[in-house]
Amino acid sequence: AVGTQLDQLTLFSGDIAKVGQLEERVLKHLGIPHVLGAVGQVYPRSMDMEFVAALLSAASGPSSVATDLRTGKVDRNDLVDRLAADTRLRLPKSVLMDAVTKAGELTGSAQAQVGTFALAVEAWTKKVPESQQIRAGRIL
């Protein structure tokens, strides 16, 4: 999980403060004065298409589960069962359950990075109040 500091978090048994201290020490040693916070992951762009195709396949499951829950066709969320039965994914139920139940462990420090980014945005909106009028456009 490049970009999420998952390897450092694993090294320090999930202690994000120690990861921050390590980062600060390395930056100081290298003479780099500031951290450039980045929320995200670095990977080859060639994987984008493969990932989007997999998401498209998987996305049909949650939408049909939501529809079935709303209409009363099912009385519980059986998304993991449906995904495990989908031959296109080729993932056993145990792997899917592991991903669902351990999602926080698999994202490294992404949650803390997002929190830091949100605090920076909040600080800038106080400095530049008119920035609150900016509205996001479509990404795709």
C-alpha atoms as a PDB file:
ATOM      1  CA  ALA A   1       0.000   0.000   0.000  1.00  0.00           C
ATOM      2  CA  VAL A   2       2.424   2.629  -1.238  1.00  0.00           C
ATOM      3  CA  GLY A   3       1.519   6.114  -0.034  1.00  0.00           C
ATOM      4  CA  THR A   4      -0.455   4.985   3.005  1.00  0.00           C
ATOM      5  CA  GLN A   5       2.537   4.292   5.282  1.00  0.00           C
ATOM      6  CA  LEU A   6       1.128   0.817   5.917  1.00  0.00           C
ATOM      7  CA  ASP A   7       4.617  -0.689   6.104  1.00  0.00           C
ATOM      8  CA  GLN A   8       5.721   1.824   8.762  1.00  0.00           C
ATOM      9  CA  LEU A   9       2.491   1.339  10.724  1.00  0.00           C
ATOM     10  CA  THR A  10       3.087  -2.401  10.670  1.00  0.00           C
ATOM     11  CA  LEU A  11       6.661  -1.891  11.852  1.00  0.00           C
ATOM     12  CA  PHE A  12       5.443   0.221  14.801  1.00  0.00           C
ATOM     13  CA  SER A  13       2.429  -1.994  15.662  1.00  0.00           C
ATOM     14  CA  GLY A  14      -0.090   0.606  14.463  1.00  0.00           C
ATOM     15  CA  ASP A  15       1.381   3.510  16.455  1.00  0.00           C
ATOM     16  CA  ILE A  16       0.777   6.450  14.109  1.00  0.00           C
ATOM     17  CA  ALA A  17       2.644   8.852  16.422  1.00  0.00           C
ATOM     18  CA  LYS A  18       5.825   6.798  16.010  1.00  0.00           C
ATOM     19  CA  VAL A  19       5.335   6.808  12.236  1.00  0.00           C
ATOM     20  CA  GLY A  20       5.122  10.601  12.352  1.00  0.00           C
ATOM     21  CA  GLN A  21       8.284  10.808  14.451  1.00  0.00           C
ATOM     22  CA  LEU A  22      10.140   8.581  11.996  1.00  0.00           C
ATOM     23  CA  GLU A  23       8.972  10.709   9.084  1.00  0.00           C
ATOM     24  CA  GLU A  24      10.104  13.904  10.827  1.00  0.00           C
ATOM     25  CA  ARG A  25      13.523  12.425  11.629  1.00  0.00           C
ATOM     26  CA  VAL A  26      14.068  11.226   8.067  1.00  0.00           C
ATOM     27  CA  LEU A  27      13.032  14.602   6.646  1.00  0.00           C
ATOM     28  CA  LYS A  28      15.329  16.423   9.074  1.00  0.00           C
ATOM     29  CA  HIS A  29      18.222  14.088   8.207  1.00  0.00           C
ATOM     30  CA  LEU A  30      17.669  14.727   4.490  1.00  0.00           C
ATOM     31  CA  GLY A  31      17.367  18.491   5.016  1.00  0.00           C
ATOM     32  CA  ILE A  32      13.762  18.646   3.804  1.00  0.00           C
ATOM     33  CA  PRO A  33      11.984  21.475   5.657  1.00  0.00           C
ATOM     34  CA  HIS A  34       8.323  20.534   5.133  1.00  0.00           C
ATOM     35  CA  VAL A  35       6.075  17.526   4.724  1.00  0.00           C
ATOM     36  CA  LEU A  36       3.889  17.507   1.652  1.00  0.00           C
ATOM     37  CA  GLY A  37       0.787  15.733   2.856  1.00  0.00           C
ATOM     38  CA  ALA A  38      -0.744  13.518   0.220  1.00  0.00           C
ATOM     39  CA  VAL A  39      -3.901  11.524   0.577  1.00  0.00           C
ATOM     40  CA  GLY A  40      -3.736   8.629  -1.771  1.00  0.00           C
ATOM     41  CA  GLN A  41      -1.654   5.901  -3.199  1.00  0.00           C
ATOM     42  CA  VAL A  42       0.996   5.740  -5.897  1.00  0.00           C
ATOM     43  CA  TYR A  43       0.659   2.995  -8.494  1.00  0.00           C
ATOM     44  CA  PRO A  44       1.134   2.510 -12.208  1.00  0.00           C
ATOM     45  CA  ARG A  45      -1.609   4.200 -14.230  1.00  0.00           C
ATOM     46  CA  SER A  46      -1.935   1.012 -16.277  1.00  0.00           C
ATOM     47  CA  MET A  47      -3.770  -0.444 -13.289  1.00  0.00           C
ATOM     48  CA  ASP A  48      -6.530   2.186 -13.485  1.00  0.00           C
ATOM     49  CA  MET A  49      -8.453   0.460 -16.241  1.00  0.00           C
ATOM     50  CA  GLU A  50      -8.200  -2.933 -14.573  1.00  0.00           C
ATOM     51  CA  PHE A  51      -9.353  -1.456 -11.271  1.00  0.00           C
ATOM     52  CA  VAL A  52     -12.275   0.439 -12.804  1.00  0.00           C
ATOM     53  CA  ALA A  53     -13.391  -2.708 -14.631  1.00  0.00           C
ATOM     54  CA  ALA A  54     -13.306  -4.668 -11.357  1.00  0.00           C
ATOM     55  CA  LEU A  55     -15.233  -1.902  -9.586  1.00  0.00           C
ATOM     56  CA  LEU A  56     -17.861  -1.895 -12.293  1.00  0.00           C
ATOM     57  CA  SER A  57     -18.324  -5.632 -11.874  1.00  0.00           C
ATOM     58  CA  ALA A  58     -18.479  -5.366  -8.094  1.00  0.00           C
ATOM     59  CA  ALA A  59     -20.738  -2.286  -8.080  1.00  0.00           C
ATOM     60  CA  SER A  60     -23.683  -4.219  -9.457  1.00  0.00           C
ATOM     61  CA  GLY A  61     -23.767  -6.232  -6.233  1.00  0.00           C
ATOM     62  CA  PRO A  62     -24.325  -3.403  -3.722  1.00  0.00           C
ATOM     63  CA  SER A  63     -26.939  -1.665  -5.847  1.00  0.00           C
ATOM     64  CA  SER A  64     -28.973  -4.838  -6.261  1.00  0.00           C
ATOM     65  CA  VAL A  65     -28.613  -5.620  -2.540  1.00  0.00           C
ATOM     66  CA  ALA A  66     -29.852  -2.120  -1.668  1.00  0.00           C
ATOM     67  CA  THR A  67     -32.811  -2.506  -4.027  1.00  0.00           C
ATOM     68  CA  ASP A  68     -33.649  -5.936  -2.627  1.00  0.00           C
ATOM     69  CA  LEU A  69     -33.445  -4.620   0.959  1.00  0.00           C
ATOM     70  CA  ARG A  70     -35.726  -1.663   0.146  1.00  0.00           C
ATOM     71  CA  THR A  71     -38.293  -3.793  -1.640  1.00  0.00           C
ATOM     72  CA  GLY A  72     -38.252  -6.536   0.990  1.00  0.00           C
ATOM     73  CA  LYS A  73     -36.869  -9.275  -1.290  1.00  0.00           C
ATOM     74  CA  VAL A  74     -34.192  -9.928   1.350  1.00  0.00           C
ATOM     75  CA  ASP A  75     -34.164  -9.169   5.065  1.00  0.00           C
ATOM     76  CA  ARG A  76     -30.395  -8.937   5.567  1.00  0.00           C
ATOM     77  CA  ASN A  77     -27.399  -7.584   3.685  1.00  0.00           C
ATOM     78  CA  ASP A  78     -26.043 -10.553   1.751  1.00  0.00           C
ATOM     79  CA  LEU A  79     -23.565  -8.583  -0.350  1.00  0.00           C
ATOM     80  CA  VAL A  80     -20.531 -10.653   0.665  1.00  0.00           C
ATOM     81  CA  ASP A  81     -22.398 -13.863  -0.204  1.00  0.00           C
ATOM     82  CA  ARG A  82     -23.349 -12.442  -3.606  1.00  0.00           C
ATOM     83  CA  LEU A  83     -19.811 -11.268  -4.324  1.00  0.00           C
ATOM     84  CA  ALA A  84     -18.380 -14.645  -3.303  1.00  0.00           C
ATOM     85  CA  ALA A  85     -20.815 -16.354  -5.679  1.00  0.00           C
ATOM     86  CA  ASP A  86     -19.858 -14.041  -8.569  1.00  0.00           C
ATOM     87  CA  THR A  87     -17.538 -16.071 -10.806  1.00  0.00           C
ATOM     88  CA  ARG A  88     -16.079 -12.886 -12.343  1.00  0.00           C
ATOM     89  CA  LEU A  89     -14.440 -11.898  -9.040  1.00  0.00           C
ATOM     90  CA  ARG A  90     -12.954 -15.311  -8.188  1.00  0.00           C
ATOM     91  CA  LEU A  91     -12.650 -14.393  -4.506  1.00  0.00           C
ATOM     92  CA  PRO A  92     -13.669 -16.757  -1.713  1.00  0.00           C
ATOM     93  CA  LYS A  93     -16.021 -15.506   0.976  1.00  0.00           C
ATOM     94  CA  SER A  94     -13.235 -15.673   3.588  1.00  0.00           C
ATOM     95  CA  VAL A  95     -11.099 -13.188   1.620  1.00  0.00           C
ATOM     96  CA  LEU A  96     -14.053 -10.818   1.124  1.00  0.00           C
ATOM     97  CA  MET A  97     -14.977 -10.978   4.836  1.00  0.00           C
ATOM     98  CA  ASP A  98     -11.364 -10.314   5.737  1.00  0.00           C
ATOM     99  CA  ALA A  99     -11.311  -7.213   3.508  1.00  0.00           C
ATOM    100  CA  VAL A 100     -14.603  -5.934   4.950  1.00  0.00           C
ATOM    101  CA  THR A 101     -13.712  -6.504   8.602  1.00  0.00           C
ATOM    102  CA  LYS A 102     -10.091  -5.318   8.349  1.00  0.00           C
ATOM    103  CA  ALA A 103     -10.581  -2.371   6.017  1.00  0.00           C
ATOM    104  CA  GLY A 104      -9.062   0.073   8.519  1.00  0.00           C
ATOM    105  CA  GLU A 105      -5.941  -2.048   8.908  1.00  0.00           C
ATOM    106  CA  LEU A 106      -5.436  -2.223   5.147  1.00  0.00           C
ATOM    107  CA  THR A 107      -5.458   1.538   4.534  1.00  0.00           C
ATOM    108  CA  GLY A 108      -2.381   2.439   6.559  1.00  0.00           C
ATOM    109  CA  SER A 109      -2.397   6.045   7.706  1.00  0.00           C
ATOM    110  CA  ALA A 110      -4.874   7.153   5.029  1.00  0.00           C
ATOM    111  CA  GLN A 111      -7.499   8.048   7.647  1.00  0.00           C
ATOM    112  CA  ALA A 112      -5.030  10.256   9.542  1.00  0.00           C
ATOM    113  CA  GLN A 113      -3.876  11.798   6.243  1.00  0.00           C
ATOM    114  CA  VAL A 114      -7.461  12.676   5.353  1.00  0.00           C
ATOM    115  CA  GLY A 115      -7.964  14.180   8.818  1.00  0.00           C
ATOM    116  CA  THR A 116      -4.827  16.302   8.457  1.00  0.00           C
ATOM    117  CA  PHE A 117      -5.952  17.435   5.013  1.00  0.00           C
ATOM    118  CA  ALA A 118      -9.412  18.347   6.357  1.00  0.00           C
ATOM    119  CA  LEU A 119      -7.816  20.443   9.124  1.00  0.00           C
ATOM    120  CA  ALA A 120      -5.654  22.242   6.550  1.00  0.00           C
ATOM    121  CA  VAL A 121      -8.734  22.983   4.433  1.00  0.00           C
ATOM    122  CA  GLU A 122     -10.540  24.304   7.489  1.00  0.00           C
ATOM    123  CA  ALA A 123      -7.609  26.606   8.323  1.00  0.00           C
ATOM    124  CA  TRP A 124      -7.480  27.944   4.764  1.00  0.00           C
ATOM    125  CA  THR A 125     -11.223  28.571   4.638  1.00  0.00           C
ATOM    126  CA  LYS A 126     -10.836  30.726   7.744  1.00  0.00           C
ATOM    127  CA  LYS A 127      -7.961  32.642   6.116  1.00  0.00           C
ATOM    128  CA  VAL A 128      -9.766  32.971   2.790  1.00  0.00           C
ATOM    129  CA  PRO A 129     -13.531  32.902   3.538  1.00  0.00           C
ATOM    130  CA  GLU A 130     -14.526  33.366  -0.111  1.00  0.00           C
ATOM    131  CA  SER A 131     -12.983  29.946  -0.838  1.00  0.00           C
ATOM    132  CA  GLN A 132     -16.082  28.423   0.763  1.00  0.00           C
ATOM    133  CA  GLN A 133     -18.018  29.437  -2.357  1.00  0.00           C
ATOM    134  CA  ILE A 134     -15.998  27.043  -4.543  1.00  0.00           C
ATOM    135  CA  ARG A 135     -18.014  24.019  -5.633  1.00  0.00           C
ATOM    136  CA  ALA A 136     -16.490  20.834  -6.983  1.00  0.00           C
ATOM    137  CA  GLY A 137     -17.111  19.969 -10.593  1.00  0.00           C
ATOM    138  CA  ARG A 138     -17.438  16.575 -12.166  1.00  0.00           C
ATOM    139  CA  ILE A 139     -14.324  14.440 -12.047  1.00  0.00           C
ATOM    140  CA  LEU A 140     -15.213  12.150 -14.919  1.00  0.00           C
END
